[in-house]
Amino acid sequence: MNNLQQRARAFEDQYAHQQEMLFKAEVRRNVMIGKWAAEAMGRTDGEAYARELALTQVNEPHRLLERLRRDFEAAGVEVKESEIQTRMLDMLHRAADELHNQG
């Protein structure tokens, strides 16, 4: 394998690793947001709801915000979309930091 091929392989490996870490961070974020949302809605099944939201990302990428809006509305809890988005971003950063610190 020549230097160019080695370099290309290293970039591919780095990209794959970054995508894996992003996926893990998003799943972790979804669990965090699920626990927060369950508490805000007064649900007693916070852990189960959090796991359900984590699966939402896997099964329906980019549908988490919509799902949270619907669930809040169904529970009669008023939460602005901007607050949900802010919390999602903050929790994604926290999840990424936790993964990074785990090594």
PDB file of N, CA and C in Angstrom:
ATOM      1  N   MET A   1       0.851  -1.168   0.000  1.00  0.00           N
ATOM      2  CA  MET A   1       0.000   0.000   0.000  1.00  0.00           C
ATOM      3  C   MET A   1       0.900   1.236   0.000  1.00  0.00           C
ATOM      4  N   ASN A   2       0.639   2.138  -0.936  1.00  0.00           N
ATOM      5  CA  ASN A   2       1.474   3.337  -1.012  1.00  0.00           C
ATOM      6  C   ASN A   2       0.973   4.401  -0.035  1.00  0.00           C
ATOM      7  N   ASN A   3       1.715   5.474   0.069  1.00  0.00           N
ATOM      8  CA  ASN A   3       1.396   6.542   1.029  1.00  0.00           C
ATOM      9  C   ASN A   3       0.015   7.154   0.790  1.00  0.00           C
ATOM     10  N   LEU A   4      -0.347   7.355  -0.458  1.00  0.00           N
ATOM     11  CA  LEU A   4      -1.645   7.944  -0.770  1.00  0.00           C
ATOM     12  C   LEU A   4      -2.782   7.022  -0.328  1.00  0.00           C
ATOM     13  N   GLN A   5      -2.616   5.734  -0.563  1.00  0.00           N
ATOM     14  CA  GLN A   5      -3.634   4.767  -0.143  1.00  0.00           C
ATOM     15  C   GLN A   5      -3.728   4.702   1.385  1.00  0.00           C
ATOM     16  N   GLN A   6      -2.573   4.761   2.039  1.00  0.00           N
ATOM     17  CA  GLN A   6      -2.567   4.737   3.507  1.00  0.00           C
ATOM     18  C   GLN A   6      -3.271   5.969   4.071  1.00  0.00           C
ATOM     19  N   ARG A   7      -3.000   7.081   3.451  1.00  0.00           N
ATOM     20  CA  ARG A   7      -3.619   8.323   3.904  1.00  0.00           C
ATOM     21  C   ARG A   7      -5.134   8.305   3.686  1.00  0.00           C
ATOM     22  N   ALA A   8      -5.550   7.820   2.537  1.00  0.00           N
ATOM     23  CA  ALA A   8      -6.981   7.710   2.237  1.00  0.00           C
ATOM     24  C   ALA A   8      -7.656   6.769   3.232  1.00  0.00           C
ATOM     25  N   ARG A   9      -7.001   5.663   3.529  1.00  0.00           N
ATOM     26  CA  ARG A   9      -7.555   4.703   4.495  1.00  0.00           C
ATOM     27  C   ARG A   9      -7.665   5.335   5.888  1.00  0.00           C
ATOM     28  N   ALA A  10      -6.673   6.121   6.265  1.00  0.00           N
ATOM     29  CA  ALA A  10      -6.706   6.787   7.571  1.00  0.00           C
ATOM     30  C   ALA A  10      -7.872   7.771   7.645  1.00  0.00           C
ATOM     31  N   PHE A  11      -8.127   8.513   6.567  1.00  0.00           N
ATOM     32  CA  PHE A  11      -9.258   9.437   6.544  1.00  0.00           C
ATOM     33  C   PHE A  11     -10.593   8.684   6.616  1.00  0.00           C
ATOM     34  N   GLU A  12     -10.679   7.561   5.912  1.00  0.00           N
ATOM     35  CA  GLU A  12     -11.895   6.749   5.958  1.00  0.00           C
ATOM     36  C   GLU A  12     -12.135   6.214   7.366  1.00  0.00           C
ATOM     37  N   ASP A  13     -11.084   5.755   8.005  1.00  0.00           N
ATOM     38  CA  ASP A  13     -11.200   5.241   9.371  1.00  0.00           C
ATOM     39  C   ASP A  13     -11.618   6.350  10.337  1.00  0.00           C
ATOM     40  N   GLN A  14     -11.034   7.526  10.173  1.00  0.00           N
ATOM     41  CA  GLN A  14     -11.368   8.660  11.031  1.00  0.00           C
ATOM     42  C   GLN A  14     -12.827   9.055  10.841  1.00  0.00           C
ATOM     43  N   TYR A  15     -13.283   9.098   9.603  1.00  0.00           N
ATOM     44  CA  TYR A  15     -14.669   9.441   9.318  1.00  0.00           C
ATOM     45  C   TYR A  15     -15.617   8.419   9.941  1.00  0.00           C
ATOM     46  N   ALA A  16     -15.311   7.153   9.793  1.00  0.00           N
ATOM     47  CA  ALA A  16     -16.148   6.098  10.363  1.00  0.00           C
ATOM     48  C   ALA A  16     -16.219   6.232  11.881  1.00  0.00           C
ATOM     49  N   HIS A  17     -15.099   6.529  12.500  1.00  0.00           N
ATOM     50  CA  HIS A  17     -15.066   6.701  13.950  1.00  0.00           C
ATOM     51  C   HIS A  17     -15.914   7.908  14.372  1.00  0.00           C
ATOM     52  N   GLN A  18     -15.791   9.008  13.644  1.00  0.00           N
ATOM     53  CA  GLN A  18     -16.570  10.212  13.958  1.00  0.00           C
ATOM     54  C   GLN A  18     -18.068   9.950  13.825  1.00  0.00           C
ATOM     55  N   GLN A  19     -18.466   9.210  12.803  1.00  0.00           N
ATOM     56  CA  GLN A  19     -19.877   8.896  12.615  1.00  0.00           C
ATOM     57  C   GLN A  19     -20.401   7.989  13.723  1.00  0.00           C
ATOM     58  N   GLU A  20     -19.586   7.051  14.147  1.00  0.00           N
ATOM     59  CA  GLU A  20     -19.960   6.169  15.246  1.00  0.00           C
ATOM     60  C   GLU A  20     -20.134   6.969  16.543  1.00  0.00           C
ATOM     61  N   MET A  21     -19.209   7.878  16.809  1.00  0.00           N
ATOM     62  CA  MET A  21     -19.297   8.690  18.018  1.00  0.00           C
ATOM     63  C   MET A  21     -20.507   9.624  17.970  1.00  0.00           C
ATOM     64  N   LEU A  22     -20.811  10.174  16.809  1.00  0.00           N
ATOM     65  CA  LEU A  22     -21.984  11.033  16.658  1.00  0.00           C
ATOM     66  C   LEU A  22     -23.252  10.229  16.937  1.00  0.00           C
ATOM     67  N   PHE A  23     -23.322   9.031  16.395  1.00  0.00           N
ATOM     68  CA  PHE A  23     -24.491   8.178  16.631  1.00  0.00           C
ATOM     69  C   PHE A  23     -24.657   7.883  18.120  1.00  0.00           C
ATOM     70  N   LYS A  24     -23.568   7.523  18.781  1.00  0.00           N
ATOM     71  CA  LYS A  24     -23.623   7.230  20.210  1.00  0.00           C
ATOM     72  C   LYS A  24     -24.034   8.467  21.016  1.00  0.00           C
ATOM     73  N   ALA A  25     -23.501   9.617  20.628  1.00  0.00           N
ATOM     74  CA  ALA A  25     -23.847  10.855  21.331  1.00  0.00           C
ATOM     75  C   ALA A  25     -25.320  11.194  21.131  1.00  0.00           C
ATOM     76  N   GLU A  26     -25.841  10.988  19.935  1.00  0.00           N
ATOM     77  CA  GLU A  26     -27.248  11.275  19.677  1.00  0.00           C
ATOM     78  C   GLU A  26     -28.154  10.342  20.475  1.00  0.00           C
ATOM     79  N   VAL A  27     -27.800   9.076  20.556  1.00  0.00           N
ATOM     80  CA  VAL A  27     -28.599   8.127  21.342  1.00  0.00           C
ATOM     81  C   VAL A  27     -28.575   8.539  22.810  1.00  0.00           C
ATOM     82  N   ARG A  28     -27.396   8.872  23.303  1.00  0.00           N
ATOM     83  CA  ARG A  28     -27.272   9.301  24.703  1.00  0.00           C
ATOM     84  C   ARG A  28     -28.064  10.586  24.943  1.00  0.00           C
ATOM     85  N   ARG A  29     -27.986  11.519  24.007  1.00  0.00           N
ATOM     86  CA  ARG A  29     -28.752  12.756  24.104  1.00  0.00           C
ATOM     87  C   ARG A  29     -30.247  12.468  24.148  1.00  0.00           C
ATOM     88  N   ASN A  30     -30.696  11.526  23.332  1.00  0.00           N
ATOM     89  CA  ASN A  30     -32.114  11.199  23.291  1.00  0.00           C
ATOM     90  C   ASN A  30     -32.594  10.618  24.613  1.00  0.00           C
ATOM     91  N   VAL A  31     -31.748   9.846  25.259  1.00  0.00           N
ATOM     92  CA  VAL A  31     -32.104   9.328  26.581  1.00  0.00           C
ATOM     93  C   VAL A  31     -32.211  10.481  27.566  1.00  0.00           C
ATOM     94  N   MET A  32     -31.239  11.397  27.532  1.00  0.00           N
ATOM     95  CA  MET A  32     -31.271  12.554  28.429  1.00  0.00           C
ATOM     96  C   MET A  32     -32.518  13.403  28.200  1.00  0.00           C
ATOM     97  N   ILE A  33     -32.820  13.691  26.941  1.00  0.00           N
ATOM     98  CA  ILE A  33     -33.969  14.544  26.640  1.00  0.00           C
ATOM     99  C   ILE A  33     -35.253  13.826  27.005  1.00  0.00           C
ATOM    100  N   GLY A  34     -35.252  12.513  26.866  1.00  0.00           N
ATOM    101  CA  GLY A  34     -36.423  11.735  27.240  1.00  0.00           C
ATOM    102  C   GLY A  34     -36.703  11.799  28.726  1.00  0.00           C
ATOM    103  N   LYS A  35     -35.658  11.723  29.529  1.00  0.00           N
ATOM    104  CA  LYS A  35     -35.833  11.829  30.980  1.00  0.00           C
ATOM    105  C   LYS A  35     -36.333  13.213  31.363  1.00  0.00           C
ATOM    106  N   TRP A  36     -35.758  14.247  30.738  1.00  0.00           N
ATOM    107  CA  TRP A  36     -36.209  15.613  31.009  1.00  0.00           C
ATOM    108  C   TRP A  36     -37.669  15.788  30.607  1.00  0.00           C
ATOM    109  N   ALA A  37     -38.029  15.338  29.404  1.00  0.00           N
ATOM    110  CA  ALA A  37     -39.385  15.503  28.900  1.00  0.00           C
ATOM    111  C   ALA A  37     -40.383  14.728  29.755  1.00  0.00           C
ATOM    112  N   ALA A  38     -40.026  13.515  30.141  1.00  0.00           N
ATOM    113  CA  ALA A  38     -40.921  12.705  30.973  1.00  0.00           C
ATOM    114  C   ALA A  38     -41.210  13.414  32.289  1.00  0.00           C
ATOM    115  N   GLU A  39     -40.173  13.980  32.878  1.00  0.00           N
ATOM    116  CA  GLU A  39     -40.360  14.716  34.131  1.00  0.00           C
ATOM    117  C   GLU A  39     -41.240  15.946  33.913  1.00  0.00           C
ATOM    118  N   ALA A  40     -40.998  16.670  32.827  1.00  0.00           N
ATOM    119  CA  ALA A  40     -41.776  17.872  32.534  1.00  0.00           C
ATOM    120  C   ALA A  40     -43.244  17.543  32.280  1.00  0.00           C
ATOM    121  N   MET A  41     -43.507  16.363  31.730  1.00  0.00           N
ATOM    122  CA  MET A  41     -44.877  15.957  31.446  1.00  0.00           C
ATOM    123  C   MET A  41     -45.527  15.240  32.628  1.00  0.00           C
ATOM    124  N   GLY A  42     -44.750  15.000  33.672  1.00  0.00           N
ATOM    125  CA  GLY A  42     -45.287  14.311  34.836  1.00  0.00           C
ATOM    126  C   GLY A  42     -45.470  12.820  34.616  1.00  0.00           C
ATOM    127  N   ARG A  43     -44.709  12.269  33.690  1.00  0.00           N
ATOM    128  CA  ARG A  43     -44.814  10.831  33.414  1.00  0.00           C
ATOM    129  C   ARG A  43     -44.054  10.056  34.482  1.00  0.00           C
ATOM    130  N   THR A  44     -44.565   8.888  34.806  1.00  0.00           N
ATOM    131  CA  THR A  44     -43.912   8.039  35.803  1.00  0.00           C
ATOM    132  C   THR A  44     -43.012   6.996  35.156  1.00  0.00           C
ATOM    133  N   ASP A  45     -43.068   6.903  33.840  1.00  0.00           N
ATOM    134  CA  ASP A  45     -42.278   5.904  33.108  1.00  0.00           C
ATOM    135  C   ASP A  45     -41.093   6.552  32.398  1.00  0.00           C
ATOM    136  N   GLY A  46     -40.361   7.391  33.114  1.00  0.00           N
ATOM    137  CA  GLY A  46     -39.276   8.170  32.519  1.00  0.00           C
ATOM    138  C   GLY A  46     -38.220   7.352  31.811  1.00  0.00           C
ATOM    139  N   GLU A  47     -37.786   6.273  32.424  1.00  0.00           N
ATOM    140  CA  GLU A  47     -36.741   5.433  31.809  1.00  0.00           C
ATOM    141  C   GLU A  47     -37.251   4.793  30.515  1.00  0.00           C
ATOM    142  N   ALA A  48     -38.457   4.256  30.557  1.00  0.00           N
ATOM    143  CA  ALA A  48     -39.023   3.606  29.371  1.00  0.00           C
ATOM    144  C   ALA A  48     -39.246   4.634  28.255  1.00  0.00           C
ATOM    145  N   TYR A  49     -39.739   5.798  28.621  1.00  0.00           N
ATOM    146  CA  TYR A  49     -39.958   6.859  27.638  1.00  0.00           C
ATOM    147  C   TYR A  49     -38.630   7.293  27.024  1.00  0.00           C
ATOM    148  N   ALA A  50     -37.604   7.409  27.853  1.00  0.00           N
ATOM    149  CA  ALA A  50     -36.278   7.808  27.361  1.00  0.00           C
ATOM    150  C   ALA A  50     -35.739   6.781  26.371  1.00  0.00           C
ATOM    151  N   ARG A  51     -35.896   5.508  26.675  1.00  0.00           N
ATOM    152  CA  ARG A  51     -35.436   4.458  25.747  1.00  0.00           C
ATOM    153  C   ARG A  51     -36.232   4.502  24.444  1.00  0.00           C
ATOM    154  N   GLU A  52     -37.523   4.773  24.568  1.00  0.00           N
ATOM    155  CA  GLU A  52     -38.379   4.871  23.385  1.00  0.00           C
ATOM    156  C   GLU A  52     -37.913   6.011  22.475  1.00  0.00           C
ATOM    157  N   LEU A  53     -37.560   7.139  23.070  1.00  0.00           N
ATOM    158  CA  LEU A  53     -37.051   8.262  22.269  1.00  0.00           C
ATOM    159  C   LEU A  53     -35.711   7.932  21.633  1.00  0.00           C
ATOM    160  N   ALA A  54     -34.880   7.199  22.352  1.00  0.00           N
ATOM    161  CA  ALA A  54     -33.588   6.803  21.783  1.00  0.00           C
ATOM    162  C   ALA A  54     -33.805   5.939  20.541  1.00  0.00           C
ATOM    163  N   LEU A  55     -34.801   5.086  20.575  1.00  0.00           N
ATOM    164  CA  LEU A  55     -35.107   4.256  19.408  1.00  0.00           C
ATOM    165  C   LEU A  55     -35.716   5.071  18.272  1.00  0.00           C
ATOM    166  N   THR A  56     -36.393   6.155  18.602  1.00  0.00           N
ATOM    167  CA  THR A  56     -36.970   7.017  17.580  1.00  0.00           C
ATOM    168  C   THR A  56     -35.885   7.502  16.632  1.00  0.00           C
ATOM    169  N   GLN A  57     -34.744   7.883  17.184  1.00  0.00           N
ATOM    170  CA  GLN A  57     -33.637   8.381  16.358  1.00  0.00           C
ATOM    171  C   GLN A  57     -33.131   7.294  15.421  1.00  0.00           C
ATOM    172  N   VAL A  58     -33.093   6.065  15.907  1.00  0.00           N
ATOM    173  CA  VAL A  58     -32.595   4.961  15.087  1.00  0.00           C
ATOM    174  C   VAL A  58     -33.585   4.643  13.980  1.00  0.00           C
ATOM    175  N   ASN A  59     -34.860   4.541  14.345  1.00  0.00           N
ATOM    176  CA  ASN A  59     -35.887   4.139  13.392  1.00  0.00           C
ATOM    177  C   ASN A  59     -36.375   5.269  12.501  1.00  0.00           C
ATOM    178  N   GLU A  60     -36.400   6.483  13.020  1.00  0.00           N
ATOM    179  CA  GLU A  60     -36.893   7.633  12.271  1.00  0.00           C
ATOM    180  C   GLU A  60     -35.972   8.831  12.484  1.00  0.00           C
ATOM    181  N   PRO A  61     -34.826   8.834  11.833  1.00  0.00           N
ATOM    182  CA  PRO A  61     -33.893   9.953  12.015  1.00  0.00           C
ATOM    183  C   PRO A  61     -34.571  11.296  11.733  1.00  0.00           C
ATOM    184  N   HIS A  62     -34.210  12.281  12.478  1.00  0.00           N
ATOM    185  CA  HIS A  62     -34.679  13.660  12.320  1.00  0.00           C
ATOM    186  C   HIS A  62     -36.148  13.842  12.700  1.00  0.00           C
ATOM    187  N   ARG A  63     -36.702  12.923  13.467  1.00  0.00           N
ATOM    188  CA  ARG A  63     -38.103  13.044  13.883  1.00  0.00           C
ATOM    189  C   ARG A  63     -38.254  13.314  15.381  1.00  0.00           C
ATOM    190  N   LEU A  64     -37.151  13.436  16.081  1.00  0.00           N
ATOM    191  CA  LEU A  64     -37.206  13.573  17.528  1.00  0.00           C
ATOM    192  C   LEU A  64     -37.930  14.843  17.956  1.00  0.00           C
ATOM    193  N   LEU A  65     -37.610  15.968  17.359  1.00  0.00           N
ATOM    194  CA  LEU A  65     -38.243  17.235  17.724  1.00  0.00           C
ATOM    195  C   LEU A  65     -39.750  17.156  17.507  1.00  0.00           C
ATOM    196  N   GLU A  66     -40.146  16.632  16.380  1.00  0.00           N
ATOM    197  CA  GLU A  66     -41.572  16.484  16.073  1.00  0.00           C
ATOM    198  C   GLU A  66     -42.253  15.589  17.105  1.00  0.00           C
ATOM    199  N   ARG A  67     -41.604  14.498  17.441  1.00  0.00           N
ATOM    200  CA  ARG A  67     -42.159  13.569  18.429  1.00  0.00           C
ATOM    201  C   ARG A  67     -42.319  14.252  19.786  1.00  0.00           C
ATOM    202  N   LEU A  68     -41.316  15.002  20.211  1.00  0.00           N
ATOM    203  CA  LEU A  68     -41.392  15.695  21.491  1.00  0.00           C
ATOM    204  C   LEU A  68     -42.517  16.738  21.492  1.00  0.00           C
ATOM    205  N   ARG A  69     -42.638  17.483  20.413  1.00  0.00           N
ATOM    206  CA  ARG A  69     -43.712  18.479  20.320  1.00  0.00           C
ATOM    207  C   ARG A  69     -45.079  17.818  20.464  1.00  0.00           C
ATOM    208  N   ARG A  70     -45.281  16.724  19.751  1.00  0.00           N
ATOM    209  CA  ARG A  70     -46.559  16.003  19.823  1.00  0.00           C
ATOM    210  C   ARG A  70     -46.826  15.483  21.229  1.00  0.00           C
ATOM    211  N   ASP A  71     -45.800  14.909  21.855  1.00  0.00           N
ATOM    212  CA  ASP A  71     -45.970  14.339  23.188  1.00  0.00           C
ATOM    213  C   ASP A  71     -46.272  15.417  24.225  1.00  0.00           C
ATOM    214  N   PHE A  72     -45.576  16.556  24.131  1.00  0.00           N
ATOM    215  CA  PHE A  72     -45.865  17.655  25.051  1.00  0.00           C
ATOM    216  C   PHE A  72     -47.298  18.151  24.853  1.00  0.00           C
ATOM    217  N   GLU A  73     -47.690  18.305  23.605  1.00  0.00           N
ATOM    218  CA  GLU A  73     -49.041  18.779  23.310  1.00  0.00           C
ATOM    219  C   GLU A  73     -50.086  17.791  23.840  1.00  0.00           C
ATOM    220  N   ALA A  74     -49.874  16.500  23.616  1.00  0.00           N
ATOM    221  CA  ALA A  74     -50.812  15.484  24.093  1.00  0.00           C
ATOM    222  C   ALA A  74     -50.910  15.480  25.619  1.00  0.00           C
ATOM    223  N   ALA A  75     -49.809  15.815  26.283  1.00  0.00           N
ATOM    224  CA  ALA A  75     -49.797  15.848  27.752  1.00  0.00           C
ATOM    225  C   ALA A  75     -50.335  17.167  28.297  1.00  0.00           C
ATOM    226  N   GLY A  76     -50.612  18.113  27.397  1.00  0.00           N
ATOM    227  CA  GLY A  76     -51.119  19.407  27.831  1.00  0.00           C
ATOM    228  C   GLY A  76     -50.059  20.280  28.472  1.00  0.00           C
ATOM    229  N   VAL A  77     -48.798  20.047  28.105  1.00  0.00           N
ATOM    230  CA  VAL A  77     -47.682  20.824  28.656  1.00  0.00           C
ATOM    231  C   VAL A  77     -47.177  21.752  27.566  1.00  0.00           C
ATOM    232  N   GLU A  78     -47.128  23.037  27.890  1.00  0.00           N
ATOM    233  CA  GLU A  78     -46.670  24.012  26.910  1.00  0.00           C
ATOM    234  C   GLU A  78     -45.164  24.223  27.045  1.00  0.00           C
ATOM    235  N   VAL A  79     -44.457  23.828  26.015  1.00  0.00           N
ATOM    236  CA  VAL A  79     -43.014  24.027  25.949  1.00  0.00           C
ATOM    237  C   VAL A  79     -42.719  24.571  24.550  1.00  0.00           C
ATOM    238  N   LYS A  80     -42.011  25.675  24.494  1.00  0.00           N
ATOM    239  CA  LYS A  80     -41.683  26.273  23.200  1.00  0.00           C
ATOM    240  C   LYS A  80     -40.708  25.381  22.445  1.00  0.00           C
ATOM    241  N   GLU A  81     -40.871  25.364  21.140  1.00  0.00           N
ATOM    242  CA  GLU A  81     -39.988  24.581  20.290  1.00  0.00           C
ATOM    243  C   GLU A  81     -38.534  25.021  20.465  1.00  0.00           C
ATOM    244  N   SER A  82     -38.324  26.312  20.630  1.00  0.00           N
ATOM    245  CA  SER A  82     -36.960  26.818  20.800  1.00  0.00           C
ATOM    246  C   SER A  82     -36.329  26.268  22.078  1.00  0.00           C
ATOM    247  N   GLU A  83     -37.131  26.082  23.138  1.00  0.00           N
ATOM    248  CA  GLU A  83     -36.585  25.502  24.362  1.00  0.00           C
ATOM    249  C   GLU A  83     -36.194  24.042  24.149  1.00  0.00           C
ATOM    250  N   ILE A  84     -37.024  23.305  23.429  1.00  0.00           N
ATOM    251  CA  ILE A  84     -36.705  21.910  23.140  1.00  0.00           C
ATOM    252  C   ILE A  84     -35.416  21.839  22.331  1.00  0.00           C
ATOM    253  N   GLN A  85     -35.308  22.681  21.303  1.00  0.00           N
ATOM    254  CA  GLN A  85     -34.110  22.684  20.463  1.00  0.00           C
ATOM    255  C   GLN A  85     -32.866  23.036  21.266  1.00  0.00           C
ATOM    256  N   THR A  86     -32.983  24.032  22.142  1.00  0.00           N
ATOM    257  CA  THR A  86     -31.847  24.434  22.971  1.00  0.00           C
ATOM    258  C   THR A  86     -31.419  23.297  23.885  1.00  0.00           C
ATOM    259  N   ARG A  87     -32.392  22.662  24.513  1.00  0.00           N
ATOM    260  CA  ARG A  87     -32.065  21.529  25.393  1.00  0.00           C
ATOM    261  C   ARG A  87     -31.452  20.377  24.617  1.00  0.00           C
ATOM    262  N   MET A  88     -31.970  20.112  23.419  1.00  0.00           N
ATOM    263  CA  MET A  88     -31.414  19.035  22.597  1.00  0.00           C
ATOM    264  C   MET A  88     -29.953  19.312  22.263  1.00  0.00           C
ATOM    265  N   LEU A  89     -29.658  20.553  21.910  1.00  0.00           N
ATOM    266  CA  LEU A  89     -28.282  20.920  21.573  1.00  0.00           C
ATOM    267  C   LEU A  89     -27.378  20.835  22.795  1.00  0.00           C
ATOM    268  N   ASP A  90     -27.839  21.377  23.922  1.00  0.00           N
ATOM    269  CA  ASP A  90     -27.053  21.317  25.154  1.00  0.00           C
ATOM    270  C   ASP A  90     -26.781  19.870  25.561  1.00  0.00           C
ATOM    271  N   MET A  91     -27.804  19.035  25.464  1.00  0.00           N
ATOM    272  CA  MET A  91     -27.646  17.636  25.865  1.00  0.00           C
ATOM    273  C   MET A  91     -26.766  16.864  24.889  1.00  0.00           C
ATOM    274  N   LEU A  92     -26.779  17.245  23.621  1.00  0.00           N
ATOM    275  CA  LEU A  92     -25.882  16.612  22.658  1.00  0.00           C
ATOM    276  C   LEU A  92     -24.432  16.943  23.005  1.00  0.00           C
ATOM    277  N   HIS A  93     -24.184  18.188  23.373  1.00  0.00           N
ATOM    278  CA  HIS A  93     -22.829  18.587  23.778  1.00  0.00           C
ATOM    279  C   HIS A  93     -22.399  17.823  25.027  1.00  0.00           C
ATOM    280  N   ARG A  94     -23.314  17.724  25.996  1.00  0.00           N
ATOM    281  CA  ARG A  94     -23.005  17.008  27.233  1.00  0.00           C
ATOM    282  C   ARG A  94     -22.730  15.531  26.939  1.00  0.00           C
ATOM    283  N   ALA A  95     -23.548  14.928  26.078  1.00  0.00           N
ATOM    284  CA  ALA A  95     -23.352  13.521  25.730  1.00  0.00           C
ATOM    285  C   ALA A  95     -22.012  13.312  25.018  1.00  0.00           C
ATOM    286  N   ALA A  96     -21.664  14.217  24.107  1.00  0.00           N
ATOM    287  CA  ALA A  96     -20.387  14.108  23.411  1.00  0.00           C
ATOM    288  C   ALA A  96     -19.223  14.258  24.378  1.00  0.00           C
ATOM    289  N   ASP A  97     -19.336  15.196  25.317  1.00  0.00           N
ATOM    290  CA  ASP A  97     -18.289  15.371  26.331  1.00  0.00           C
ATOM    291  C   ASP A  97     -18.130  14.103  27.176  1.00  0.00           C
ATOM    292  N   GLU A  98     -19.251  13.513  27.582  1.00  0.00           N
ATOM    293  CA  GLU A  98     -19.194  12.290  28.383  1.00  0.00           C
ATOM    294  C   GLU A  98     -18.504  11.165  27.610  1.00  0.00           C
ATOM    295  N   LEU A  99     -18.843  11.019  26.354  1.00  0.00           N
ATOM    296  CA  LEU A  99     -18.217   9.976  25.526  1.00  0.00           C
ATOM    297  C   LEU A  99     -16.719  10.245  25.367  1.00  0.00           C
ATOM    298  N   HIS A 100     -16.378  11.497  25.154  1.00  0.00           N
ATOM    299  CA  HIS A 100     -14.966  11.871  24.986  1.00  0.00           C
ATOM    300  C   HIS A 100     -14.180  11.579  26.259  1.00  0.00           C
ATOM    301  N   ASN A 101     -14.778  11.888  27.411  1.00  0.00           N
ATOM    302  CA  ASN A 101     -14.092  11.680  28.689  1.00  0.00           C
ATOM    303  C   ASN A 101     -13.985  10.213  29.081  1.00  0.00           C
ATOM    304  N   GLN A 102     -14.844   9.383  28.487  1.00  0.00           N
ATOM    305  CA  GLN A 102     -14.762   7.945  28.770  1.00  0.00           C
ATOM    306  C   GLN A 102     -13.549   7.329  28.089  1.00  0.00           C
ATOM    307  N   GLY A 103     -13.037   8.000  27.092  1.00  0.00           N
ATOM    308  CA  GLY A 103     -11.819   7.539  26.465  1.00  0.00           C
ATOM    309  C   GLY A 103     -12.061   6.876  25.194  1.00  0.00           C
TER     310      GLY A 103
END
